[in-house]
């Protein structure tokens, strides 16, 4: 948790604490892979698209934060995964729950 707090502003610290202590995580994403499941390259692409005028250092800091959050899913007592819904990038409709 201390490493995460060094990577992101204080206003996000409460969320990080809640996420890391969660017993269940439910996620809804319209068209993206959920943050905790993203690979580093995918996260960098998504973050870069939303931060087009930001310095590369800021983008890399956000990528590092996203990757540092993933151990939440592999800890000794990981959160349960609730139903999740993801909008497919086509006219096929909704995928889920899963």
C-alpha atoms as a PDB file:
ATOM      1  CA  UNK A   1       0.000   0.000   0.000  1.00  0.00           C
ATOM      2  CA  UNK A   2       2.846   2.426   0.781  1.00  0.00           C
ATOM      3  CA  UNK A   3       4.210   2.004  -2.761  1.00  0.00           C
ATOM      4  CA  UNK A   4       0.807   2.891  -4.224  1.00  0.00           C
ATOM      5  CA  UNK A   5       0.574   6.052  -2.136  1.00  0.00           C
ATOM      6  CA  UNK A   6       3.928   7.222  -3.537  1.00  0.00           C
ATOM      7  CA  UNK A   7       2.630   6.762  -7.087  1.00  0.00           C
ATOM      8  CA  UNK A   8      -0.645   8.679  -6.888  1.00  0.00           C
ATOM      9  CA  UNK A   9      -2.066  11.833  -5.317  1.00  0.00           C
ATOM     10  CA  UNK A  10      -3.526  11.774  -1.812  1.00  0.00           C
ATOM     11  CA  UNK A  11      -7.116  12.150  -3.047  1.00  0.00           C
ATOM     12  CA  UNK A  12      -6.917   8.626  -4.502  1.00  0.00           C
ATOM     13  CA  UNK A  13      -5.475   7.048  -1.332  1.00  0.00           C
ATOM     14  CA  UNK A  14      -8.903   6.305   0.192  1.00  0.00           C
ATOM     15  CA  UNK A  15      -9.977   4.432  -2.941  1.00  0.00           C
ATOM     16  CA  UNK A  16      -6.731   2.462  -3.004  1.00  0.00           C
ATOM     17  CA  UNK A  17      -7.184   1.451   0.618  1.00  0.00           C
ATOM     18  CA  UNK A  18     -10.764   0.342   0.067  1.00  0.00           C
ATOM     19  CA  UNK A  19      -9.847  -1.601  -3.068  1.00  0.00           C
ATOM     20  CA  UNK A  20      -6.917  -3.392  -1.454  1.00  0.00           C
ATOM     21  CA  UNK A  21      -9.074  -4.443   1.533  1.00  0.00           C
ATOM     22  CA  UNK A  22     -12.166  -5.407  -0.492  1.00  0.00           C
ATOM     23  CA  UNK A  23     -13.823  -8.771   0.001  1.00  0.00           C
ATOM     24  CA  UNK A  24     -15.736  -8.417  -3.284  1.00  0.00           C
ATOM     25  CA  UNK A  25     -15.169  -6.330  -6.398  1.00  0.00           C
ATOM     26  CA  UNK A  26     -17.861  -5.649  -9.002  1.00  0.00           C
ATOM     27  CA  UNK A  27     -16.876  -3.903 -12.206  1.00  0.00           C
ATOM     28  CA  UNK A  28     -18.810  -2.295 -15.046  1.00  0.00           C
ATOM     29  CA  UNK A  29     -16.925  -1.169 -18.137  1.00  0.00           C
ATOM     30  CA  UNK A  30     -18.621   0.095 -21.270  1.00  0.00           C
ATOM     31  CA  UNK A  31     -15.891  -0.797 -23.738  1.00  0.00           C
ATOM     32  CA  UNK A  32     -12.582  -1.332 -21.945  1.00  0.00           C
ATOM     33  CA  UNK A  33     -10.980  -4.213 -20.123  1.00  0.00           C
ATOM     34  CA  UNK A  34     -11.360  -3.466 -16.374  1.00  0.00           C
ATOM     35  CA  UNK A  35      -8.324  -1.662 -14.896  1.00  0.00           C
ATOM     36  CA  UNK A  36      -7.272  -4.501 -12.603  1.00  0.00           C
ATOM     37  CA  UNK A  37      -7.166  -6.940 -15.551  1.00  0.00           C
ATOM     38  CA  UNK A  38      -5.255  -4.767 -18.036  1.00  0.00           C
ATOM     39  CA  UNK A  39      -1.783  -5.632 -19.292  1.00  0.00           C
ATOM     40  CA  UNK A  40       0.859  -2.939 -19.040  1.00  0.00           C
ATOM     41  CA  UNK A  41       0.812  -2.216 -22.803  1.00  0.00           C
ATOM     42  CA  UNK A  42      -2.999  -2.056 -22.916  1.00  0.00           C
ATOM     43  CA  UNK A  43      -3.086   0.245 -19.875  1.00  0.00           C
ATOM     44  CA  UNK A  44      -0.451   2.521 -21.424  1.00  0.00           C
ATOM     45  CA  UNK A  45      -2.500   2.798 -24.628  1.00  0.00           C
ATOM     46  CA  UNK A  46      -5.737   3.571 -22.790  1.00  0.00           C
ATOM     47  CA  UNK A  47      -4.104   6.056 -20.421  1.00  0.00           C
ATOM     48  CA  UNK A  48      -2.197   7.772 -23.245  1.00  0.00           C
ATOM     49  CA  UNK A  49      -5.435   8.219 -25.198  1.00  0.00           C
ATOM     50  CA  UNK A  50      -6.953  10.070 -22.252  1.00  0.00           C
ATOM     51  CA  UNK A  51      -3.862  12.138 -21.462  1.00  0.00           C
ATOM     52  CA  UNK A  52      -2.797  13.310 -24.924  1.00  0.00           C
ATOM     53  CA  UNK A  53      -1.316  16.601 -23.711  1.00  0.00           C
ATOM     54  CA  UNK A  54       0.327  15.162 -20.580  1.00  0.00           C
ATOM     55  CA  UNK A  55       4.064  14.565 -20.215  1.00  0.00           C
ATOM     56  CA  UNK A  56       5.167  10.963 -20.745  1.00  0.00           C
ATOM     57  CA  UNK A  57       6.335  10.831 -17.101  1.00  0.00           C
ATOM     58  CA  UNK A  58       2.752  11.443 -15.930  1.00  0.00           C
ATOM     59  CA  UNK A  59       1.461   8.690 -18.201  1.00  0.00           C
ATOM     60  CA  UNK A  60       4.095   6.256 -16.967  1.00  0.00           C
ATOM     61  CA  UNK A  61       3.250   7.117 -13.349  1.00  0.00           C
ATOM     62  CA  UNK A  62      -0.405   6.229 -14.020  1.00  0.00           C
ATOM     63  CA  UNK A  63       0.599   2.983 -15.749  1.00  0.00           C
ATOM     64  CA  UNK A  64       2.815   2.066 -12.777  1.00  0.00           C
ATOM     65  CA  UNK A  65      -0.057   2.776 -10.379  1.00  0.00           C
ATOM     66  CA  UNK A  66      -2.434   0.576 -12.371  1.00  0.00           C
ATOM     67  CA  UNK A  67       0.054  -2.302 -12.448  1.00  0.00           C
ATOM     68  CA  UNK A  68       0.814  -1.909  -8.718  1.00  0.00           C
ATOM     69  CA  UNK A  69      -2.888  -2.412  -7.918  1.00  0.00           C
ATOM     70  CA  UNK A  70      -3.072  -5.865  -9.520  1.00  0.00           C
ATOM     71  CA  UNK A  71      -1.699  -7.859  -6.545  1.00  0.00           C
ATOM     72  CA  UNK A  72      -5.099  -7.248  -4.923  1.00  0.00           C
ATOM     73  CA  UNK A  73      -6.354 -10.067  -7.155  1.00  0.00           C
ATOM     74  CA  UNK A  74      -3.636 -12.559  -6.194  1.00  0.00           C
ATOM     75  CA  UNK A  75      -3.307 -11.963  -2.460  1.00  0.00           C
ATOM     76  CA  UNK A  76      -3.863 -14.837  -0.003  1.00  0.00           C
ATOM     77  CA  UNK A  77      -7.527 -13.857   0.481  1.00  0.00           C
ATOM     78  CA  UNK A  78      -8.493 -12.218  -2.841  1.00  0.00           C
ATOM     79  CA  UNK A  79     -11.802 -10.405  -3.285  1.00  0.00           C
ATOM     80  CA  UNK A  80     -14.661 -12.390  -4.768  1.00  0.00           C
ATOM     81  CA  UNK A  81     -15.552 -11.454  -8.297  1.00  0.00           C
ATOM     82  CA  UNK A  82     -19.134 -10.355  -8.702  1.00  0.00           C
ATOM     83  CA  UNK A  83     -20.962 -10.297 -12.019  1.00  0.00           C
ATOM     84  CA  UNK A  84     -19.323  -8.092 -14.615  1.00  0.00           C
ATOM     85  CA  UNK A  85     -20.650  -6.651 -17.841  1.00  0.00           C
ATOM     86  CA  UNK A  86     -18.559  -5.431 -20.753  1.00  0.00           C
ATOM     87  CA  UNK A  87     -19.921  -3.806 -23.890  1.00  0.00           C
ATOM     88  CA  UNK A  88     -18.516  -5.573 -26.937  1.00  0.00           C
ATOM     89  CA  UNK A  89     -16.963  -3.238 -29.512  1.00  0.00           C
ATOM     90  CA  UNK A  90     -19.527  -4.327 -32.092  1.00  0.00           C
ATOM     91  CA  UNK A  91     -23.248  -4.416 -32.665  1.00  0.00           C
ATOM     92  CA  UNK A  92     -23.342  -7.889 -31.073  1.00  0.00           C
ATOM     93  CA  UNK A  93     -24.644  -6.497 -27.785  1.00  0.00           C
ATOM     94  CA  UNK A  94     -23.707  -7.096 -24.184  1.00  0.00           C
ATOM     95  CA  UNK A  95     -21.397  -9.741 -22.793  1.00  0.00           C
ATOM     96  CA  UNK A  96     -21.880 -10.928 -19.236  1.00  0.00           C
ATOM     97  CA  UNK A  97     -22.361 -11.708 -16.498  1.00  0.00           C
ATOM     98  CA  UNK A  98     -19.038 -13.373 -16.043  1.00  0.00           C
END
